[in-house]
Amino acid sequence: MRKLVVVLAAVAVLGAPALAQSRVTGSRHTDNSQQTDDRKQKKAAAEKAYKDALRTIPEQKKSDPWAKMR
């Protein structure tokens, strides 16, 4: 009987963090259409900023590490 109580207590203690992570509050999922529009705009802005940043990187010269050895 004592072993059963210890096992059940261990399962409850170890299972609590997993249960807490899976719970989602209802306030996060309100107005999903507005949230997806905002997310799309942010993603588009981030993509544009990334492409602009890539354009500012100068072209690299091709390096030949064995040039002096030939």
PDB file of N, CA and C in Angstrom:
ATOM      1  N   MET A   1       0.817  -1.195   0.000  1.00  0.00           N
ATOM      2  CA  MET A   1       0.000   0.000   0.000  1.00  0.00           C
ATOM      3  C   MET A   1       0.863   1.263   0.000  1.00  0.00           C
ATOM      4  N   ARG A   2       1.958   1.214   0.780  1.00  0.00           N
ATOM      5  CA  ARG A   2       2.849   2.366   0.869  1.00  0.00           C
ATOM      6  C   ARG A   2       3.514   2.624  -0.491  1.00  0.00           C
ATOM      7  N   LYS A   3       3.881   1.551  -1.194  1.00  0.00           N
ATOM      8  CA  LYS A   3       4.518   1.696  -2.499  1.00  0.00           C
ATOM      9  C   LYS A   3       3.566   2.350  -3.500  1.00  0.00           C
ATOM     10  N   LEU A   4       2.309   1.976  -3.439  1.00  0.00           N
ATOM     11  CA  LEU A   4       1.316   2.546  -4.336  1.00  0.00           C
ATOM     12  C   LEU A   4       1.160   4.049  -4.103  1.00  0.00           C
ATOM     13  N   VAL A   5       1.134   4.460  -2.857  1.00  0.00           N
ATOM     14  CA  VAL A   5       1.010   5.882  -2.524  1.00  0.00           C
ATOM     15  C   VAL A   5       2.240   6.648  -3.001  1.00  0.00           C
ATOM     16  N   VAL A   6       3.412   6.072  -2.829  1.00  0.00           N
ATOM     17  CA  VAL A   6       4.652   6.723  -3.272  1.00  0.00           C
ATOM     18  C   VAL A   6       4.673   6.848  -4.793  1.00  0.00           C
ATOM     19  N   VAL A   7       4.270   5.815  -5.493  1.00  0.00           N
ATOM     20  CA  VAL A   7       4.243   5.847  -6.961  1.00  0.00           C
ATOM     21  C   VAL A   7       3.240   6.888  -7.449  1.00  0.00           C
ATOM     22  N   LEU A   8       2.066   6.927  -6.863  1.00  0.00           N
ATOM     23  CA  LEU A   8       1.065   7.913  -7.274  1.00  0.00           C
ATOM     24  C   LEU A   8       1.538   9.340  -6.985  1.00  0.00           C
ATOM     25  N   ALA A   9       2.208   9.551  -5.883  1.00  0.00           N
ATOM     26  CA  ALA A   9       2.739  10.875  -5.558  1.00  0.00           C
ATOM     27  C   ALA A   9       3.828  11.272  -6.557  1.00  0.00           C
ATOM     28  N   ALA A  10       4.686  10.331  -6.919  1.00  0.00           N
ATOM     29  CA  ALA A  10       5.748  10.617  -7.877  1.00  0.00           C
ATOM     30  C   ALA A  10       5.166  10.963  -9.248  1.00  0.00           C
ATOM     31  N   VAL A  11       4.161  10.231  -9.671  1.00  0.00           N
ATOM     32  CA  VAL A  11       3.518  10.512 -10.961  1.00  0.00           C
ATOM     33  C   VAL A  11       2.867  11.887 -10.940  1.00  0.00           C
ATOM     34  N   ALA A  12       2.235  12.240  -9.838  1.00  0.00           N
ATOM     35  CA  ALA A  12       1.579  13.540  -9.734  1.00  0.00           C
ATOM     36  C   ALA A  12       2.593  14.664  -9.762  1.00  0.00           C
ATOM     37  N   VAL A  13       3.709  14.490  -9.053  1.00  0.00           N
ATOM     38  CA  VAL A  13       4.734  15.537  -8.999  1.00  0.00           C
ATOM     39  C   VAL A  13       5.421  15.693 -10.346  1.00  0.00           C
ATOM     40  N   LEU A  14       5.726  14.587 -10.994  1.00  0.00           N
ATOM     41  CA  LEU A  14       6.414  14.660 -12.280  1.00  0.00           C
ATOM     42  C   LEU A  14       5.482  15.041 -13.422  1.00  0.00           C
ATOM     43  N   GLY A  15       4.211  14.789 -13.295  1.00  0.00           N
ATOM     44  CA  GLY A  15       3.254  15.105 -14.351  1.00  0.00           C
ATOM     45  C   GLY A  15       2.762  16.535 -14.315  1.00  0.00           C
ATOM     46  N   ALA A  16       2.899  17.200 -13.190  1.00  0.00           N
ATOM     47  CA  ALA A  16       2.388  18.563 -13.044  1.00  0.00           C
ATOM     48  C   ALA A  16       3.033  19.550 -14.019  1.00  0.00           C
ATOM     49  N   PRO A  17       4.359  19.567 -14.200  1.00  0.00           N
ATOM     50  CA  PRO A  17       4.943  20.514 -15.147  1.00  0.00           C
ATOM     51  C   PRO A  17       4.473  20.299 -16.590  1.00  0.00           C
ATOM     52  N   ALA A  18       4.308  19.060 -16.979  1.00  0.00           N
ATOM     53  CA  ALA A  18       3.831  18.771 -18.335  1.00  0.00           C
ATOM     54  C   ALA A  18       2.405  19.266 -18.522  1.00  0.00           C
ATOM     55  N   LEU A  19       1.586  19.100 -17.511  1.00  0.00           N
ATOM     56  CA  LEU A  19       0.210  19.561 -17.582  1.00  0.00           C
ATOM     57  C   LEU A  19       0.160  21.085 -17.617  1.00  0.00           C
ATOM     58  N   ALA A  20       1.037  21.735 -16.867  1.00  0.00           N
ATOM     59  CA  ALA A  20       1.053  23.196 -16.826  1.00  0.00           C
ATOM     60  C   ALA A  20       1.488  23.778 -18.165  1.00  0.00           C
ATOM     61  N   GLN A  21       2.372  23.105 -18.869  1.00  0.00           N
ATOM     62  CA  GLN A  21       2.829  23.614 -20.154  1.00  0.00           C
ATOM     63  C   GLN A  21       1.770  23.472 -21.235  1.00  0.00           C
ATOM     64  N   SER A  22       0.898  22.515 -21.113  1.00  0.00           N
ATOM     65  CA  SER A  22      -0.091  22.289 -22.155  1.00  0.00           C
ATOM     66  C   SER A  22      -1.306  23.191 -22.017  1.00  0.00           C
ATOM     67  N   ARG A  23      -1.492  23.811 -20.879  1.00  0.00           N
ATOM     68  CA  ARG A  23      -2.649  24.679 -20.692  1.00  0.00           C
ATOM     69  C   ARG A  23      -2.430  26.003 -21.396  1.00  0.00           C
ATOM     70  N   VAL A  24      -3.459  26.455 -22.086  1.00  0.00           N
ATOM     71  CA  VAL A  24      -3.396  27.720 -22.814  1.00  0.00           C
ATOM     72  C   VAL A  24      -4.555  28.581 -22.341  1.00  0.00           C
ATOM     73  N   THR A  25      -4.258  29.840 -22.051  1.00  0.00           N
ATOM     74  CA  THR A  25      -5.335  30.719 -21.616  1.00  0.00           C
ATOM     75  C   THR A  25      -6.180  31.116 -22.811  1.00  0.00           C
ATOM     76  N   GLY A  26      -7.447  31.390 -22.589  1.00  0.00           N
ATOM     77  CA  GLY A  26      -8.358  31.737 -23.667  1.00  0.00           C
ATOM     78  C   GLY A  26      -8.089  33.112 -24.248  1.00  0.00           C
ATOM     79  N   SER A  27      -7.426  33.984 -23.518  1.00  0.00           N
ATOM     80  CA  SER A  27      -7.191  35.339 -24.006  1.00  0.00           C
ATOM     81  C   SER A  27      -6.194  35.369 -25.164  1.00  0.00           C
ATOM     82  N   ARG A  28      -5.363  34.366 -25.271  1.00  0.00           N
ATOM     83  CA  ARG A  28      -4.382  34.345 -26.353  1.00  0.00           C
ATOM     84  C   ARG A  28      -5.018  34.037 -27.698  1.00  0.00           C
ATOM     85  N   HIS A  29      -6.142  33.369 -27.696  1.00  0.00           N
ATOM     86  CA  HIS A  29      -6.750  32.923 -28.937  1.00  0.00           C
ATOM     87  C   HIS A  29      -7.986  33.734 -29.321  1.00  0.00           C
ATOM     88  N   THR A  30      -8.079  34.937 -28.854  1.00  0.00           N
ATOM     89  CA  THR A  30      -9.201  35.778 -29.245  1.00  0.00           C
ATOM     90  C   THR A  30      -8.816  36.584 -30.469  1.00  0.00           C
ATOM     91  N   ASP A  31      -9.731  36.768 -31.356  1.00  0.00           N
ATOM     92  CA  ASP A  31      -9.541  37.550 -32.573  1.00  0.00           C
ATOM     93  C   ASP A  31      -8.368  37.015 -33.393  1.00  0.00           C
ATOM     94  N   ASN A  32      -8.486  35.779 -33.840  1.00  0.00           N
ATOM     95  CA  ASN A  32      -7.411  35.138 -34.587  1.00  0.00           C
ATOM     96  C   ASN A  32      -7.150  35.803 -35.924  1.00  0.00           C
ATOM     97  N   SER A  33      -8.169  36.358 -36.581  1.00  0.00           N
ATOM     98  CA  SER A  33      -7.951  36.973 -37.885  1.00  0.00           C
ATOM     99  C   SER A  33      -7.060  38.205 -37.765  1.00  0.00           C
ATOM    100  N   GLN A  34      -7.273  38.999 -36.736  1.00  0.00           N
ATOM    101  CA  GLN A  34      -6.434  40.181 -36.535  1.00  0.00           C
ATOM    102  C   GLN A  34      -5.002  39.760 -36.203  1.00  0.00           C
ATOM    103  N   GLN A  35      -4.870  38.716 -35.407  1.00  0.00           N
ATOM    104  CA  GLN A  35      -3.553  38.257 -35.022  1.00  0.00           C
ATOM    105  C   GLN A  35      -2.789  37.711 -36.235  1.00  0.00           C
ATOM    106  N   THR A  36      -3.468  36.983 -37.103  1.00  0.00           N
ATOM    107  CA  THR A  36      -2.782  36.447 -38.266  1.00  0.00           C
ATOM    108  C   THR A  36      -2.411  37.557 -39.236  1.00  0.00           C
ATOM    109  N   ASP A  37      -3.252  38.591 -39.362  1.00  0.00           N
ATOM    110  CA  ASP A  37      -2.903  39.717 -40.221  1.00  0.00           C
ATOM    111  C   ASP A  37      -1.677  40.444 -39.686  1.00  0.00           C
ATOM    112  N   ASP A  38      -1.634  40.656 -38.372  1.00  0.00           N
ATOM    113  CA  ASP A  38      -0.467  41.300 -37.773  1.00  0.00           C
ATOM    114  C   ASP A  38       0.773  40.444 -37.965  1.00  0.00           C
ATOM    115  N   ARG A  39       0.612  39.142 -37.797  1.00  0.00           N
ATOM    116  CA  ARG A  39       1.749  38.242 -37.944  1.00  0.00           C
ATOM    117  C   ARG A  39       2.251  38.245 -39.384  1.00  0.00           C
ATOM    118  N   LYS A  40       1.329  38.279 -40.350  1.00  0.00           N
ATOM    119  CA  LYS A  40       1.731  38.325 -41.759  1.00  0.00           C
ATOM    120  C   LYS A  40       2.472  39.618 -42.067  1.00  0.00           C
ATOM    121  N   GLN A  41       1.993  40.735 -41.527  1.00  0.00           N
ATOM    122  CA  GLN A  41       2.663  42.017 -41.755  1.00  0.00           C
ATOM    123  C   GLN A  41       4.052  42.025 -41.133  1.00  0.00           C
ATOM    124  N   LYS A  42       4.177  41.495 -39.934  1.00  0.00           N
ATOM    125  CA  LYS A  42       5.485  41.443 -39.278  1.00  0.00           C
ATOM    126  C   LYS A  42       6.436  40.540 -40.046  1.00  0.00           C
ATOM    127  N   LYS A  43       5.912  39.419 -40.540  1.00  0.00           N
ATOM    128  CA  LYS A  43       6.748  38.492 -41.293  1.00  0.00           C
ATOM    129  C   LYS A  43       7.211  39.129 -42.605  1.00  0.00           C
ATOM    130  N   ALA A  44       6.327  39.843 -43.270  1.00  0.00           N
ATOM    131  CA  ALA A  44       6.695  40.509 -44.517  1.00  0.00           C
ATOM    132  C   ALA A  44       7.730  41.599 -44.256  1.00  0.00           C
ATOM    133  N   ALA A  45       7.565  42.347 -43.168  1.00  0.00           N
ATOM    134  CA  ALA A  45       8.528  43.389 -42.836  1.00  0.00           C
ATOM    135  C   ALA A  45       9.882  42.783 -42.495  1.00  0.00           C
ATOM    136  N   ALA A  46       9.888  41.672 -41.775  1.00  0.00           N
ATOM    137  CA  ALA A  46      11.143  41.010 -41.425  1.00  0.00           C
ATOM    138  C   ALA A  46      11.829  40.459 -42.668  1.00  0.00           C
ATOM    139  N   GLU A  47      11.055  39.905 -43.576  1.00  0.00           N
ATOM    140  CA  GLU A  47      11.620  39.378 -44.827  1.00  0.00           C
ATOM    141  C   GLU A  47      12.233  40.495 -45.663  1.00  0.00           C
ATOM    142  N   LYS A  48      11.558  41.636 -45.737  1.00  0.00           N
ATOM    143  CA  LYS A  48      12.080  42.779 -46.483  1.00  0.00           C
ATOM    144  C   LYS A  48      13.360  43.299 -45.842  1.00  0.00           C
ATOM    145  N   ALA A  49      13.388  43.385 -44.517  1.00  0.00           N
ATOM    146  CA  ALA A  49      14.583  43.848 -43.821  1.00  0.00           C
ATOM    147  C   ALA A  49      15.740  42.882 -44.040  1.00  0.00           C
ATOM    148  N   TYR A  50      15.455  41.587 -44.048  1.00  0.00           N
ATOM    149  CA  TYR A  50      16.492  40.585 -44.283  1.00  0.00           C
ATOM    150  C   TYR A  50      17.080  40.720 -45.687  1.00  0.00           C
ATOM    151  N   LYS A  51      16.222  40.881 -46.677  1.00  0.00           N
ATOM    152  CA  LYS A  51      16.704  41.015 -48.057  1.00  0.00           C
ATOM    153  C   LYS A  51      17.498  42.301 -48.237  1.00  0.00           C
ATOM    154  N   ASP A  52      17.052  43.390 -47.600  1.00  0.00           N
ATOM    155  CA  ASP A  52      17.793  44.646 -47.675  1.00  0.00           C
ATOM    156  C   ASP A  52      19.171  44.508 -47.021  1.00  0.00           C
ATOM    157  N   ALA A  53      19.226  43.782 -45.920  1.00  0.00           N
ATOM    158  CA  ALA A  53      20.503  43.573 -45.238  1.00  0.00           C
ATOM    159  C   ALA A  53      21.441  42.731 -46.094  1.00  0.00           C
ATOM    160  N   LEU A  54      20.901  41.754 -46.817  1.00  0.00           N
ATOM    161  CA  LEU A  54      21.741  40.934 -47.685  1.00  0.00           C
ATOM    162  C   LEU A  54      22.314  41.748 -48.844  1.00  0.00           C
ATOM    163  N   ARG A  55      21.562  42.726 -49.314  1.00  0.00           N
ATOM    164  CA  ARG A  55      22.049  43.556 -50.426  1.00  0.00           C
ATOM    165  C   ARG A  55      23.222  44.434 -50.010  1.00  0.00           C
ATOM    166  N   THR A  56      23.317  44.769 -48.722  1.00  0.00           N
ATOM    167  CA  THR A  56      24.392  45.649 -48.275  1.00  0.00           C
ATOM    168  C   THR A  56      25.715  44.916 -48.103  1.00  0.00           C
ATOM    169  N   ILE A  57      25.707  43.594 -48.116  1.00  0.00           N
ATOM    170  CA  ILE A  57      26.938  42.827 -47.971  1.00  0.00           C
ATOM    171  C   ILE A  57      27.675  42.855 -49.302  1.00  0.00           C
ATOM    172  N   PRO A  58      28.947  43.284 -49.309  1.00  0.00           N
ATOM    173  CA  PRO A  58      29.689  43.333 -50.572  1.00  0.00           C
ATOM    174  C   PRO A  58      30.016  41.926 -51.070  1.00  0.00           C
ATOM    175  N   GLU A  59      30.242  41.834 -52.365  1.00  0.00           N
ATOM    176  CA  GLU A  59      30.598  40.554 -52.960  1.00  0.00           C
ATOM    177  C   GLU A  59      31.986  40.146 -52.471  1.00  0.00           C
ATOM    178  N   GLN A  60      32.137  38.884 -52.165  1.00  0.00           N
ATOM    179  CA  GLN A  60      33.407  38.366 -51.677  1.00  0.00           C
ATOM    180  C   GLN A  60      34.258  37.902 -52.858  1.00  0.00           C
ATOM    181  N   LYS A  61      35.559  38.134 -52.739  1.00  0.00           N
ATOM    182  CA  LYS A  61      36.462  37.631 -53.762  1.00  0.00           C
ATOM    183  C   LYS A  61      36.608  36.128 -53.587  1.00  0.00           C
ATOM    184  N   LYS A  62      36.802  35.450 -54.684  1.00  0.00           N
ATOM    185  CA  LYS A  62      37.044  34.013 -54.610  1.00  0.00           C
ATOM    186  C   LYS A  62      38.448  33.815 -54.069  1.00  0.00           C
ATOM    187  N   SER A  63      38.570  33.055 -53.019  1.00  0.00           N
ATOM    188  CA  SER A  63      39.889  32.823 -52.440  1.00  0.00           C
ATOM    189  C   SER A  63      40.423  31.480 -52.905  1.00  0.00           C
ATOM    190  N   ASP A  64      41.712  31.448 -53.103  1.00  0.00           N
ATOM    191  CA  ASP A  64      42.383  30.226 -53.501  1.00  0.00           C
ATOM    192  C   ASP A  64      43.503  29.980 -52.496  1.00  0.00           C
ATOM    193  N   PRO A  65      43.266  29.164 -51.483  1.00  0.00           N
ATOM    194  CA  PRO A  65      44.274  28.967 -50.452  1.00  0.00           C
ATOM    195  C   PRO A  65      45.530  28.257 -50.957  1.00  0.00           C
ATOM    196  N   TRP A  66      45.435  27.573 -52.053  1.00  0.00           N
ATOM    197  CA  TRP A  66      46.591  26.861 -52.587  1.00  0.00           C
ATOM    198  C   TRP A  66      47.306  27.632 -53.700  1.00  0.00           C
ATOM    199  N   ALA A  67      47.008  28.907 -53.880  1.00  0.00           N
ATOM    200  CA  ALA A  67      47.566  29.680 -54.993  1.00  0.00           C
ATOM    201  C   ALA A  67      49.097  29.746 -54.926  1.00  0.00           C
ATOM    202  N   LYS A  68      49.664  29.925 -53.754  1.00  0.00           N
ATOM    203  CA  LYS A  68      51.125  30.048 -53.629  1.00  0.00           C
ATOM    204  C   LYS A  68      51.819  28.698 -53.684  1.00  0.00           C
ATOM    205  N   MET A  69      51.092  27.638 -53.513  1.00  0.00           N
ATOM    206  CA  MET A  69      51.680  26.309 -53.492  1.00  0.00           C
ATOM    207  C   MET A  69      51.792  25.688 -54.888  1.00  0.00           C
ATOM    208  N   ARG A  70      51.140  26.253 -55.859  1.00  0.00           N
ATOM    209  CA  ARG A  70      51.168  25.664 -57.198  1.00  0.00           C
ATOM    210  C   ARG A  70      52.344  26.136 -57.974  1.00  0.00           C
TER     211      ARG A  70
END
